[in-house]
Amino acid sequence: MGHALDVRTTVPQATASRVASHDSESSSPVAVVIPKAAVLLVDDQPANLAVLKAVLEPLDLDLVICSSGADAIRRLSEQDFALILLDVQMPGMDGFKT
Protein backbone atom coordinates (compact mmCIF):
# COMPACT_ATOMS: atom_id res chain seq x y z
CA MET A 1 0.00 0.00 0.00
CA GLY A 2 1.47 3.38 -1.02
CA HIS A 3 1.35 6.69 0.76
CA ALA A 4 -0.56 9.73 -0.47
CA LEU A 5 -0.14 13.30 0.71
CA ASP A 6 -2.29 16.29 -0.23
CA VAL A 7 -1.46 19.57 1.53
CA ARG A 8 -3.37 22.78 0.91
CA THR A 9 -2.96 25.95 2.93
CA THR A 10 -3.48 29.68 2.85
CA VAL A 11 -1.10 31.85 4.83
CA PRO A 12 -1.61 35.60 5.23
CA GLN A 13 0.99 37.96 3.82
CA ALA A 14 1.70 39.24 7.36
CA THR A 15 4.59 36.85 7.75
CA ALA A 16 7.09 39.60 7.10
CA SER A 17 9.77 39.94 9.74
CA ARG A 18 9.28 43.69 10.18
CA VAL A 19 6.24 45.95 9.87
CA ALA A 20 6.49 49.73 9.99
CA SER A 21 4.11 51.58 12.28
CA HIS A 22 4.06 54.89 14.12
CA ASP A 23 4.33 55.65 17.81
CA SER A 24 1.09 57.33 18.92
CA GLU A 25 2.97 59.94 20.99
CA SER A 26 5.43 60.95 18.27
CA SER A 27 5.75 60.80 14.54
CA SER A 28 8.80 58.52 14.72
CA PRO A 29 8.44 55.18 12.97
CA VAL A 30 8.61 52.12 15.20
CA ALA A 31 9.88 48.74 14.02
CA VAL A 32 7.70 45.88 15.20
CA VAL A 33 9.14 42.39 15.03
CA ILE A 34 6.62 39.72 14.10
CA PRO A 35 7.93 36.25 14.90
CA LYS A 36 7.70 33.56 12.27
CA ALA A 37 4.99 30.99 12.84
CA ALA A 38 6.49 27.72 14.05
CA VAL A 39 5.25 24.57 12.32
CA LEU A 40 6.06 21.07 13.60
CA LEU A 41 6.34 18.39 10.89
CA VAL A 42 6.27 14.79 12.16
CA ASP A 43 6.67 11.79 9.86
CA ASP A 44 8.83 8.67 9.85
CA GLN A 45 9.07 8.75 6.03
CA PRO A 46 11.88 11.08 4.85
CA ALA A 47 10.18 11.50 1.46
CA ASN A 48 7.00 12.85 3.09
CA LEU A 49 9.04 15.28 5.21
CA ALA A 50 10.89 16.46 2.10
CA VAL A 51 7.61 17.17 0.29
CA LEU A 52 6.16 19.05 3.26
CA LYS A 53 9.35 21.06 3.63
CA ALA A 54 9.38 21.93 -0.10
CA VAL A 55 5.75 23.07 0.01
CA LEU A 56 6.10 25.13 3.20
CA GLU A 57 9.58 26.67 2.83
CA PRO A 58 8.45 29.47 0.46
CA LEU A 59 6.04 30.67 3.18
CA ASP A 60 8.98 31.73 5.39
CA LEU A 61 7.83 29.67 8.37
CA ASP A 62 9.96 28.27 11.20
CA LEU A 63 9.84 24.57 10.24
CA VAL A 64 10.78 22.03 12.89
CA ILE A 65 11.13 18.46 11.64
CA CYS A 66 10.76 15.30 13.73
CA SER A 67 10.90 11.68 12.60
CA SER A 68 9.08 10.09 15.56
CA GLY A 69 6.27 10.70 18.00
CA ALA A 70 8.70 10.64 20.93
CA ASP A 71 10.84 13.34 19.30
CA ALA A 72 7.71 15.41 18.63
CA ILE A 73 6.68 15.20 22.32
CA ARG A 74 10.17 16.37 23.33
CA ARG A 75 10.01 19.35 20.93
CA LEU A 76 6.51 20.26 22.15
CA SER A 77 7.87 20.56 25.68
CA GLU A 78 10.50 23.03 24.42
CA GLN A 79 8.53 25.24 22.03
CA ASP A 80 5.02 26.37 21.08
CA PHE A 81 3.77 25.65 17.57
CA ALA A 82 1.11 27.38 15.51
CA LEU A 83 0.52 24.20 13.50
CA ILE A 84 1.45 20.53 13.79
CA LEU A 85 1.35 18.24 10.74
CA LEU A 86 1.53 14.71 12.12
CA ASP A 87 1.64 11.31 10.43
CA VAL A 88 -0.75 8.92 12.19
CA GLN A 89 0.94 5.73 10.94
CA MET A 90 4.40 5.64 12.52
CA PRO A 91 6.21 2.79 14.25
CA GLY A 92 6.57 2.99 18.02
CA MET A 93 4.45 5.95 19.07
CA ASP A 94 1.98 6.62 16.25
CA GLY A 95 0.28 9.94 15.62
CA PHE A 96 -2.77 9.04 17.72
CA LYS A 97 -0.66 8.20 20.79
CA THR A 98 1.48 11.27 20.24
PDB file of N, CA and C in Angstrom:
ATOM      1  N   MET A   1       0.850  -1.173   0.000  1.00  0.00           N
ATOM      2  CA  MET A   1       0.000   0.000   0.000  1.00  0.00           C
ATOM      3  C   MET A   1       0.892   1.231   0.000  1.00  0.00           C
ATOM      4  N   GLY A   2       0.678   2.160  -0.914  1.00  0.00           N
ATOM      5  CA  GLY A   2       1.474   3.381  -1.018  1.00  0.00           C
ATOM      6  C   GLY A   2       0.971   4.467  -0.089  1.00  0.00           C
ATOM      7  N   HIS A   3       1.714   5.546  -0.053  1.00  0.00           N
ATOM      8  CA  HIS A   3       1.346   6.695   0.758  1.00  0.00           C
ATOM      9  C   HIS A   3       0.894   7.824  -0.158  1.00  0.00           C
ATOM     10  N   ALA A   4      -0.095   8.571   0.284  1.00  0.00           N
ATOM     11  CA  ALA A   4      -0.556   9.735  -0.470  1.00  0.00           C
ATOM     12  C   ALA A   4      -0.534  10.937   0.454  1.00  0.00           C
ATOM     13  N   LEU A   5      -0.208  12.078  -0.088  1.00  0.00           N
ATOM     14  CA  LEU A   5      -0.142  13.297   0.707  1.00  0.00           C
ATOM     15  C   LEU A   5      -0.699  14.449  -0.114  1.00  0.00           C
ATOM     16  N   ASP A   6      -1.695  15.125   0.427  1.00  0.00           N
ATOM     17  CA  ASP A   6      -2.287  16.286  -0.232  1.00  0.00           C
ATOM     18  C   ASP A   6      -2.324  17.409   0.795  1.00  0.00           C
ATOM     19  N   VAL A   7      -1.530  18.456   0.587  1.00  0.00           N
ATOM     20  CA  VAL A   7      -1.461  19.568   1.529  1.00  0.00           C
ATOM     21  C   VAL A   7      -1.926  20.830   0.835  1.00  0.00           C
ATOM     22  N   ARG A   8      -2.877  21.508   1.437  1.00  0.00           N
ATOM     23  CA  ARG A   8      -3.366  22.776   0.909  1.00  0.00           C
ATOM     24  C   ARG A   8      -3.444  23.752   2.070  1.00  0.00           C
ATOM     25  N   THR A   9      -2.947  24.957   1.859  1.00  0.00           N
ATOM     26  CA  THR A   9      -2.957  25.947   2.930  1.00  0.00           C
ATOM     27  C   THR A   9      -3.005  27.353   2.365  1.00  0.00           C
ATOM     28  N   THR A  10      -3.510  28.266   3.168  1.00  0.00           N
ATOM     29  CA  THR A  10      -3.485  29.679   2.846  1.00  0.00           C
ATOM     30  C   THR A  10      -2.854  30.385   4.035  1.00  0.00           C
ATOM     31  N   VAL A  11      -1.801  31.131   3.774  1.00  0.00           N
ATOM     32  CA  VAL A  11      -1.103  31.845   4.833  1.00  0.00           C
ATOM     33  C   VAL A  11      -1.155  33.330   4.512  1.00  0.00           C
ATOM     34  N   PRO A  12      -1.541  34.165   5.492  1.00  0.00           N
ATOM     35  CA  PRO A  12      -1.614  35.598   5.228  1.00  0.00           C
ATOM     36  C   PRO A  12      -0.252  36.187   4.921  1.00  0.00           C
ATOM     37  N   GLN A  13      -0.243  37.284   4.195  1.00  0.00           N
ATOM     38  CA  GLN A  13       0.990  37.956   3.824  1.00  0.00           C
ATOM     39  C   GLN A  13       1.701  38.576   5.019  1.00  0.00           C
ATOM     40  N   ALA A  14       1.111  38.596   6.189  1.00  0.00           N
ATOM     41  CA  ALA A  14       1.695  39.242   7.362  1.00  0.00           C
ATOM     42  C   ALA A  14       2.798  38.411   7.996  1.00  0.00           C
ATOM     43  N   THR A  15       3.489  37.622   7.216  1.00  0.00           N
ATOM     44  CA  THR A  15       4.587  36.845   7.753  1.00  0.00           C
ATOM     45  C   THR A  15       5.912  37.570   7.623  1.00  0.00           C
ATOM     46  N   ALA A  16       5.864  38.816   7.224  1.00  0.00           N
ATOM     47  CA  ALA A  16       7.090  39.604   7.097  1.00  0.00           C
ATOM     48  C   ALA A  16       7.746  39.759   8.457  1.00  0.00           C
ATOM     49  N   SER A  17       9.065  39.863   8.465  1.00  0.00           N
ATOM     50  CA  SER A  17       9.767  39.942   9.736  1.00  0.00           C
ATOM     51  C   SER A  17       9.667  41.315  10.384  1.00  0.00           C
ATOM     52  N   ARG A  18       9.413  42.347   9.612  1.00  0.00           N
ATOM     53  CA  ARG A  18       9.284  43.690  10.179  1.00  0.00           C
ATOM     54  C   ARG A  18       8.103  44.417   9.532  1.00  0.00           C
ATOM     55  N   VAL A  19       7.368  45.152  10.348  1.00  0.00           N
ATOM     56  CA  VAL A  19       6.242  45.946   9.874  1.00  0.00           C
ATOM     57  C   VAL A  19       6.434  47.359  10.407  1.00  0.00           C
ATOM     58  N   ALA A  20       6.326  48.352   9.548  1.00  0.00           N
ATOM     59  CA  ALA A  20       6.493  49.735   9.990  1.00  0.00           C
ATOM     60  C   ALA A  20       5.188  50.252  10.556  1.00  0.00           C
ATOM     61  N   SER A  21       5.275  50.934  11.689  1.00  0.00           N
ATOM     62  CA  SER A  21       4.110  51.576  12.284  1.00  0.00           C
ATOM     63  C   SER A  21       4.583  52.896  12.881  1.00  0.00           C
ATOM     64  N   HIS A  22       3.693  53.619  13.509  1.00  0.00           N
ATOM     65  CA  HIS A  22       4.060  54.888  14.117  1.00  0.00           C
ATOM     66  C   HIS A  22       3.697  54.881  15.585  1.00  0.00           C
ATOM     67  N   ASP A  23       4.574  55.474  16.384  1.00  0.00           N
ATOM     68  CA  ASP A  23       4.330  55.649  17.809  1.00  0.00           C
ATOM     69  C   ASP A  23       3.221  56.683  17.951  1.00  0.00           C
ATOM     70  N   SER A  24       2.230  56.415  18.795  1.00  0.00           N
ATOM     71  CA  SER A  24       1.094  57.331  18.924  1.00  0.00           C
ATOM     72  C   SER A  24       1.480  58.655  19.567  1.00  0.00           C
ATOM     73  N   GLU A  25       2.577  58.710  20.318  1.00  0.00           N
ATOM     74  CA  GLU A  25       2.973  59.944  20.987  1.00  0.00           C
ATOM     75  C   GLU A  25       3.962  60.763  20.170  1.00  0.00           C
ATOM     76  N   SER A  26       4.517  60.207  19.126  1.00  0.00           N
ATOM     77  CA  SER A  26       5.431  60.953  18.269  1.00  0.00           C
ATOM     78  C   SER A  26       5.233  60.498  16.838  1.00  0.00           C
ATOM     79  N   SER A  27       5.884  61.186  15.937  1.00  0.00           N
ATOM     80  CA  SER A  27       5.748  60.800  14.538  1.00  0.00           C
ATOM     81  C   SER A  27       6.886  59.892  14.099  1.00  0.00           C
ATOM     82  N   SER A  28       7.675  59.397  15.053  1.00  0.00           N
ATOM     83  CA  SER A  28       8.798  58.516  14.721  1.00  0.00           C
ATOM     84  C   SER A  28       8.295  57.127  14.365  1.00  0.00           C
ATOM     85  N   PRO A  29       8.833  56.558  13.294  1.00  0.00           N
ATOM     86  CA  PRO A  29       8.443  55.183  12.972  1.00  0.00           C
ATOM     87  C   PRO A  29       8.980  54.201  14.016  1.00  0.00           C
ATOM     88  N   VAL A  30       8.228  53.153  14.236  1.00  0.00           N
ATOM     89  CA  VAL A  30       8.606  52.122  15.196  1.00  0.00           C
ATOM     90  C   VAL A  30       8.677  50.797  14.455  1.00  0.00           C
ATOM     91  N   ALA A  31       9.759  50.058  14.650  1.00  0.00           N
ATOM     92  CA  ALA A  31       9.881  48.739  14.024  1.00  0.00           C
ATOM     93  C   ALA A  31       9.268  47.700  14.952  1.00  0.00           C
ATOM     94  N   VAL A  32       8.346  46.938  14.432  1.00  0.00           N
ATOM     95  CA  VAL A  32       7.698  45.883  15.203  1.00  0.00           C
ATOM     96  C   VAL A  32       8.155  44.557  14.635  1.00  0.00           C
ATOM     97  N   VAL A  33       8.681  43.699  15.490  1.00  0.00           N
ATOM     98  CA  VAL A  33       9.143  42.393  15.035  1.00  0.00           C
ATOM     99  C   VAL A  33       8.011  41.384  15.187  1.00  0.00           C
ATOM    100  N   ILE A  34       7.656  40.756  14.095  1.00  0.00           N
ATOM    101  CA  ILE A  34       6.619  39.725  14.101  1.00  0.00           C
ATOM    102  C   ILE A  34       7.329  38.385  13.968  1.00  0.00           C
ATOM    103  N   PRO A  35       7.227  37.535  14.996  1.00  0.00           N
ATOM    104  CA  PRO A  35       7.931  36.252  14.905  1.00  0.00           C
ATOM    105  C   PRO A  35       7.332  35.360  13.822  1.00  0.00           C
ATOM    106  N   LYS A  36       8.172  34.530  13.256  1.00  0.00           N
ATOM    107  CA  LYS A  36       7.701  33.558  12.268  1.00  0.00           C
ATOM    108  C   LYS A  36       6.833  32.527  12.981  1.00  0.00           C
ATOM    109  N   ALA A  37       5.820  32.057  12.291  1.00  0.00           N
ATOM    110  CA  ALA A  37       4.987  30.993  12.835  1.00  0.00           C
ATOM    111  C   ALA A  37       5.793  29.697  12.820  1.00  0.00           C
ATOM    112  N   ALA A  38       5.774  28.990  13.941  1.00  0.00           N
ATOM    113  CA  ALA A  38       6.489  27.718  14.046  1.00  0.00           C
ATOM    114  C   ALA A  38       5.545  26.582  13.662  1.00  0.00           C
ATOM    115  N   VAL A  39       6.027  25.711  12.789  1.00  0.00           N
ATOM    116  CA  VAL A  39       5.248  24.567  12.323  1.00  0.00           C
ATOM    117  C   VAL A  39       6.050  23.301  12.596  1.00  0.00           C
ATOM    118  N   LEU A  40       5.422  22.350  13.289  1.00  0.00           N
ATOM    119  CA  LEU A  40       6.062  21.074  13.596  1.00  0.00           C
ATOM    120  C   LEU A  40       5.624  20.036  12.566  1.00  0.00           C
ATOM    121  N   LEU A  41       6.599  19.438  11.877  1.00  0.00           N
ATOM    122  CA  LEU A  41       6.336  18.391  10.887  1.00  0.00           C
ATOM    123  C   LEU A  41       6.818  17.070  11.474  1.00  0.00           C
ATOM    124  N   VAL A  42       5.927  16.078  11.555  1.00  0.00           N
ATOM    125  CA  VAL A  42       6.273  14.794  12.163  1.00  0.00           C
ATOM    126  C   VAL A  42       5.899  13.669  11.210  1.00  0.00           C
ATOM    127  N   ASP A  43       6.901  12.922  10.766  1.00  0.00           N
ATOM    128  CA  ASP A  43       6.670  11.790   9.864  1.00  0.00           C
ATOM    129  C   ASP A  43       7.899  10.903   9.890  1.00  0.00           C
ATOM    130  N   ASP A  44       7.692   9.598   9.860  1.00  0.00           N
ATOM    131  CA  ASP A  44       8.827   8.667   9.847  1.00  0.00           C
ATOM    132  C   ASP A  44       9.348   8.420   8.427  1.00  0.00           C
ATOM    133  N   GLN A  45       8.660   8.927   7.426  1.00  0.00           N
ATOM    134  CA  GLN A  45       9.071   8.752   6.035  1.00  0.00           C
ATOM    135  C   GLN A  45       9.803  10.010   5.548  1.00  0.00           C
ATOM    136  N   PRO A  46      11.120   9.907   5.305  1.00  0.00           N
ATOM    137  CA  PRO A  46      11.879  11.081   4.850  1.00  0.00           C
ATOM    138  C   PRO A  46      11.308  11.731   3.587  1.00  0.00           C
ATOM    139  N   ALA A  47      10.752  10.944   2.694  1.00  0.00           N
ATOM    140  CA  ALA A  47      10.184  11.502   1.459  1.00  0.00           C
ATOM    141  C   ALA A  47       8.995  12.415   1.766  1.00  0.00           C
ATOM    142  N   ASN A  48       8.151  12.011   2.705  1.00  0.00           N
ATOM    143  CA  ASN A  48       7.003  12.849   3.086  1.00  0.00           C
ATOM    144  C   ASN A  48       7.474  14.153   3.719  1.00  0.00           C
ATOM    145  N   LEU A  49       8.490  14.073   4.582  1.00  0.00           N
ATOM    146  CA  LEU A  49       9.039  15.275   5.210  1.00  0.00           C
ATOM    147  C   LEU A  49       9.635  16.210   4.159  1.00  0.00           C
ATOM    148  N   ALA A  50      10.296  15.646   3.174  1.00  0.00           N
ATOM    149  CA  ALA A  50      10.894  16.457   2.102  1.00  0.00           C
ATOM    150  C   ALA A  50       9.818  17.194   1.310  1.00  0.00           C
ATOM    151  N   VAL A  51       8.701  16.527   1.031  1.00  0.00           N
ATOM    152  CA  VAL A  51       7.606  17.168   0.292  1.00  0.00           C
ATOM    153  C   VAL A  51       6.995  18.290   1.128  1.00  0.00           C
ATOM    154  N   LEU A  52       6.715  18.015   2.392  1.00  0.00           N
ATOM    155  CA  LEU A  52       6.157  19.046   3.265  1.00  0.00           C
ATOM    156  C   LEU A  52       7.084  20.252   3.357  1.00  0.00           C
ATOM    157  N   LYS A  53       8.364  19.986   3.532  1.00  0.00           N
ATOM    158  CA  LYS A  53       9.350  21.059   3.631  1.00  0.00           C
ATOM    159  C   LYS A  53       9.374  21.888   2.341  1.00  0.00           C
ATOM    160  N   ALA A  54       9.352  21.226   1.193  1.00  0.00           N
ATOM    161  CA  ALA A  54       9.379  21.928  -0.097  1.00  0.00           C
ATOM    162  C   ALA A  54       8.140  22.805  -0.290  1.00  0.00           C
ATOM    163  N   VAL A  55       6.996  22.319   0.157  1.00  0.00           N
ATOM    164  CA  VAL A  55       5.750  23.071   0.014  1.00  0.00           C
ATOM    165  C   VAL A  55       5.716  24.271   0.963  1.00  0.00           C
ATOM    166  N   LEU A  56       6.226  24.103   2.182  1.00  0.00           N
ATOM    167  CA  LEU A  56       6.100  25.132   3.203  1.00  0.00           C
ATOM    168  C   LEU A  56       7.250  26.134   3.251  1.00  0.00           C
ATOM    169  N   GLU A  57       8.426  25.763   2.771  1.00  0.00           N
ATOM    170  CA  GLU A  57       9.584  26.669   2.827  1.00  0.00           C
ATOM    171  C   GLU A  57       9.338  28.038   2.197  1.00  0.00           C
ATOM    172  N   PRO A  58       8.670  28.138   1.052  1.00  0.00           N
ATOM    173  CA  PRO A  58       8.446  29.466   0.455  1.00  0.00           C
ATOM    174  C   PRO A  58       7.592  30.402   1.320  1.00  0.00           C
ATOM    175  N   LEU A  59       6.903  29.862   2.319  1.00  0.00           N
ATOM    176  CA  LEU A  59       6.040  30.668   3.178  1.00  0.00           C
ATOM    177  C   LEU A  59       6.801  31.330   4.315  1.00  0.00           C
ATOM    178  N   ASP A  60       8.116  31.110   4.380  1.00  0.00           N
ATOM    179  CA  ASP A  60       8.978  31.733   5.394  1.00  0.00           C
ATOM    180  C   ASP A  60       8.503  31.413   6.812  1.00  0.00           C
ATOM    181  N   LEU A  61       8.248  30.145   7.061  1.00  0.00           N
ATOM    182  CA  LEU A  61       7.833  29.668   8.375  1.00  0.00           C
ATOM    183  C   LEU A  61       9.029  29.062   9.096  1.00  0.00           C
ATOM    184  N   ASP A  62       8.933  28.951  10.414  1.00  0.00           N
ATOM    185  CA  ASP A  62       9.955  28.273  11.199  1.00  0.00           C
ATOM    186  C   ASP A  62       9.574  26.792  11.226  1.00  0.00           C
ATOM    187  N   LEU A  63      10.170  25.991  10.355  1.00  0.00           N
ATOM    188  CA  LEU A  63       9.840  24.572  10.235  1.00  0.00           C
ATOM    189  C   LEU A  63      10.722  23.759  11.175  1.00  0.00           C
ATOM    190  N   VAL A  64      10.078  22.935  11.996  1.00  0.00           N
ATOM    191  CA  VAL A  64      10.779  22.027  12.894  1.00  0.00           C
ATOM    192  C   VAL A  64      10.389  20.613  12.483  1.00  0.00           C
ATOM    193  N   ILE A  65      11.385  19.787  12.184  1.00  0.00           N
ATOM    194  CA  ILE A  65      11.133  18.464  11.637  1.00  0.00           C
ATOM    195  C   ILE A  65      11.483  17.382  12.651  1.00  0.00           C
ATOM    196  N   CYS A  66      10.558  16.442  12.846  1.00  0.00           N
ATOM    197  CA  CYS A  66      10.755  15.296  13.732  1.00  0.00           C
ATOM    198  C   CYS A  66      10.419  14.024  12.975  1.00  0.00           C
ATOM    199  N   SER A  67      11.144  12.948  13.294  1.00  0.00           N
ATOM    200  CA  SER A  67      10.899  11.682  12.595  1.00  0.00           C
ATOM    201  C   SER A  67      10.214  10.645  13.474  1.00  0.00           C
ATOM    202  N   SER A  68       9.780  11.037  14.689  1.00  0.00           N
ATOM    203  CA  SER A  68       9.080  10.090  15.562  1.00  0.00           C
ATOM    204  C   SER A  68       8.151  10.841  16.501  1.00  0.00           C
ATOM    205  N   GLY A  69       7.185  10.109  17.030  1.00  0.00           N
ATOM    206  CA  GLY A  69       6.269  10.702  17.997  1.00  0.00           C
ATOM    207  C   GLY A  69       6.987  11.122  19.267  1.00  0.00           C
ATOM    208  N   ALA A  70       7.948  10.317  19.714  1.00  0.00           N
ATOM    209  CA  ALA A  70       8.702  10.643  20.930  1.00  0.00           C
ATOM    210  C   ALA A  70       9.489  11.941  20.747  1.00  0.00           C
ATOM    211  N   ASP A  71      10.102  12.110  19.582  1.00  0.00           N
ATOM    212  CA  ASP A  71      10.841  13.335  19.297  1.00  0.00           C
ATOM    213  C   ASP A  71       9.885  14.533  19.251  1.00  0.00           C
ATOM    214  N   ALA A  72       8.699  14.331  18.696  1.00  0.00           N
ATOM    215  CA  ALA A  72       7.706  15.409  18.635  1.00  0.00           C
ATOM    216  C   ALA A  72       7.282  15.836  20.038  1.00  0.00           C
ATOM    217  N   ILE A  73       7.058  14.885  20.940  1.00  0.00           N
ATOM    218  CA  ILE A  73       6.681  15.201  22.324  1.00  0.00           C
ATOM    219  C   ILE A  73       7.784  16.020  22.992  1.00  0.00           C
ATOM    220  N   ARG A  74       9.035  15.633  22.750  1.00  0.00           N
ATOM    221  CA  ARG A  74      10.166  16.367  23.325  1.00  0.00           C
ATOM    222  C   ARG A  74      10.179  17.813  22.826  1.00  0.00           C
ATOM    223  N   ARG A  75       9.995  17.992  21.509  1.00  0.00           N
ATOM    224  CA  ARG A  75      10.011  19.347  20.934  1.00  0.00           C
ATOM    225  C   ARG A  75       8.828  20.184  21.429  1.00  0.00           C
ATOM    226  N   LEU A  76       7.674  19.542  21.633  1.00  0.00           N
ATOM    227  CA  LEU A  76       6.506  20.260  22.148  1.00  0.00           C
ATOM    228  C   LEU A  76       6.739  20.785  23.558  1.00  0.00           C
ATOM    229  N   SER A  77       7.576  20.094  24.324  1.00  0.00           N
ATOM    230  CA  SER A  77       7.870  20.560  25.683  1.00  0.00           C
ATOM    231  C   SER A  77       8.851  21.734  25.672  1.00  0.00           C
ATOM    232  N   GLU A  78       9.508  21.971  24.541  1.00  0.00           N
ATOM    233  CA  GLU A  78      10.505  23.028  24.419  1.00  0.00           C
ATOM    234  C   GLU A  78       9.990  24.281  23.719  1.00  0.00           C
ATOM    235  N   GLN A  79       8.939  24.150  22.912  1.00  0.00           N
ATOM    236  CA  GLN A  79       8.528  25.243  22.034  1.00  0.00           C
ATOM    237  C   GLN A  79       7.038  25.162  21.750  1.00  0.00           C
ATOM    238  N   ASP A  80       6.418  26.312  21.507  1.00  0.00           N
ATOM    239  CA  ASP A  80       5.016  26.366  21.085  1.00  0.00           C
ATOM    240  C   ASP A  80       4.965  26.360  19.563  1.00  0.00           C
ATOM    241  N   PHE A  81       3.918  25.742  19.023  1.00  0.00           N
ATOM    242  CA  PHE A  81       3.765  25.650  17.575  1.00  0.00           C
ATOM    243  C   PHE A  81       2.394  26.169  17.169  1.00  0.00           C
ATOM    244  N   ALA A  82       2.366  26.897  16.056  1.00  0.00           N
ATOM    245  CA  ALA A  82       1.105  27.384  15.508  1.00  0.00           C
ATOM    246  C   ALA A  82       0.355  26.266  14.796  1.00  0.00           C
ATOM    247  N   LEU A  83       1.110  25.295  14.277  1.00  0.00           N
ATOM    248  CA  LEU A  83       0.522  24.204  13.499  1.00  0.00           C
ATOM    249  C   LEU A  83       1.383  22.964  13.658  1.00  0.00           C
ATOM    250  N   ILE A  84       0.736  21.806  13.748  1.00  0.00           N
ATOM    251  CA  ILE A  84       1.449  20.527  13.787  1.00  0.00           C
ATOM    252  C   ILE A  84       0.877  19.645  12.681  1.00  0.00           C
ATOM    253  N   LEU A  85       1.742  19.190  11.781  1.00  0.00           N
ATOM    254  CA  LEU A  85       1.350  18.236  10.743  1.00  0.00           C
ATOM    255  C   LEU A  85       1.970  16.907  11.146  1.00  0.00           C
ATOM    256  N   LEU A  86       1.113  15.938  11.461  1.00  0.00           N
ATOM    257  CA  LEU A  86       1.531  14.708  12.122  1.00  0.00           C
ATOM    258  C   LEU A  86       1.047  13.480  11.367  1.00  0.00           C
ATOM    259  N   ASP A  87       1.981  12.594  11.044  1.00  0.00           N
ATOM    260  CA  ASP A  87       1.645  11.313  10.429  1.00  0.00           C
ATOM    261  C   ASP A  87       1.002  10.434  11.505  1.00  0.00           C
ATOM    262  N   VAL A  88      -0.094   9.774  11.184  1.00  0.00           N
ATOM    263  CA  VAL A  88      -0.749   8.923  12.187  1.00  0.00           C
ATOM    264  C   VAL A  88      -0.274   7.479  12.121  1.00  0.00           C
ATOM    265  N   GLN A  89       0.459   7.096  11.079  1.00  0.00           N
ATOM    266  CA  GLN A  89       0.935   5.726  10.942  1.00  0.00           C
ATOM    267  C   GLN A  89       2.460   5.693  11.042  1.00  0.00           C
ATOM    268  N   MET A  90       2.955   5.716  12.291  1.00  0.00           N
ATOM    269  CA  MET A  90       4.395   5.638  12.525  1.00  0.00           C
ATOM    270  C   MET A  90       4.679   4.479  13.452  1.00  0.00           C
ATOM    271  N   PRO A  91       5.852   3.862  13.319  1.00  0.00           N
ATOM    272  CA  PRO A  91       6.210   2.793  14.248  1.00  0.00           C
ATOM    273  C   PRO A  91       6.464   3.364  15.649  1.00  0.00           C
ATOM    274  N   GLY A  92       6.352   2.519  16.649  1.00  0.00           N
ATOM    275  CA  GLY A  92       6.566   2.990  18.024  1.00  0.00           C
ATOM    276  C   GLY A  92       5.364   3.782  18.495  1.00  0.00           C
ATOM    277  N   MET A  93       5.540   5.071  18.640  1.00  0.00           N
ATOM    278  CA  MET A  93       4.449   5.955  19.065  1.00  0.00           C
ATOM    279  C   MET A  93       3.817   6.572  17.825  1.00  0.00           C
ATOM    280  N   ASP A  94       2.625   6.091  17.448  1.00  0.00           N
ATOM    281  CA  ASP A  94       1.975   6.620  16.251  1.00  0.00           C
ATOM    282  C   ASP A  94       1.387   7.998  16.530  1.00  0.00           C
ATOM    283  N   GLY A  95       0.829   8.595  15.500  1.00  0.00           N
ATOM    284  CA  GLY A  95       0.276   9.937  15.624  1.00  0.00           C
ATOM    285  C   GLY A  95      -0.866  10.049  16.616  1.00  0.00           C
ATOM    286  N   PHE A  96      -1.658   9.004  16.774  1.00  0.00           N
ATOM    287  CA  PHE A  96      -2.769   9.042  17.719  1.00  0.00           C
ATOM    288  C   PHE A  96      -2.251   9.046  19.151  1.00  0.00           C
ATOM    289  N   LYS A  97      -1.243   8.229  19.444  1.00  0.00           N
ATOM    290  CA  LYS A  97      -0.661   8.196  20.787  1.00  0.00           C
ATOM    291  C   LYS A  97       0.100   9.482  21.090  1.00  0.00           C
ATOM    292  N   THR A  98       0.727  10.043  20.065  1.00  0.00           N
ATOM    293  CA  THR A  98       1.484  11.272  20.239  1.00  0.00           C
ATOM    294  C   THR A  98       0.548  12.396  20.615  1.00  0.00           C
TER     295      THR A  98
END
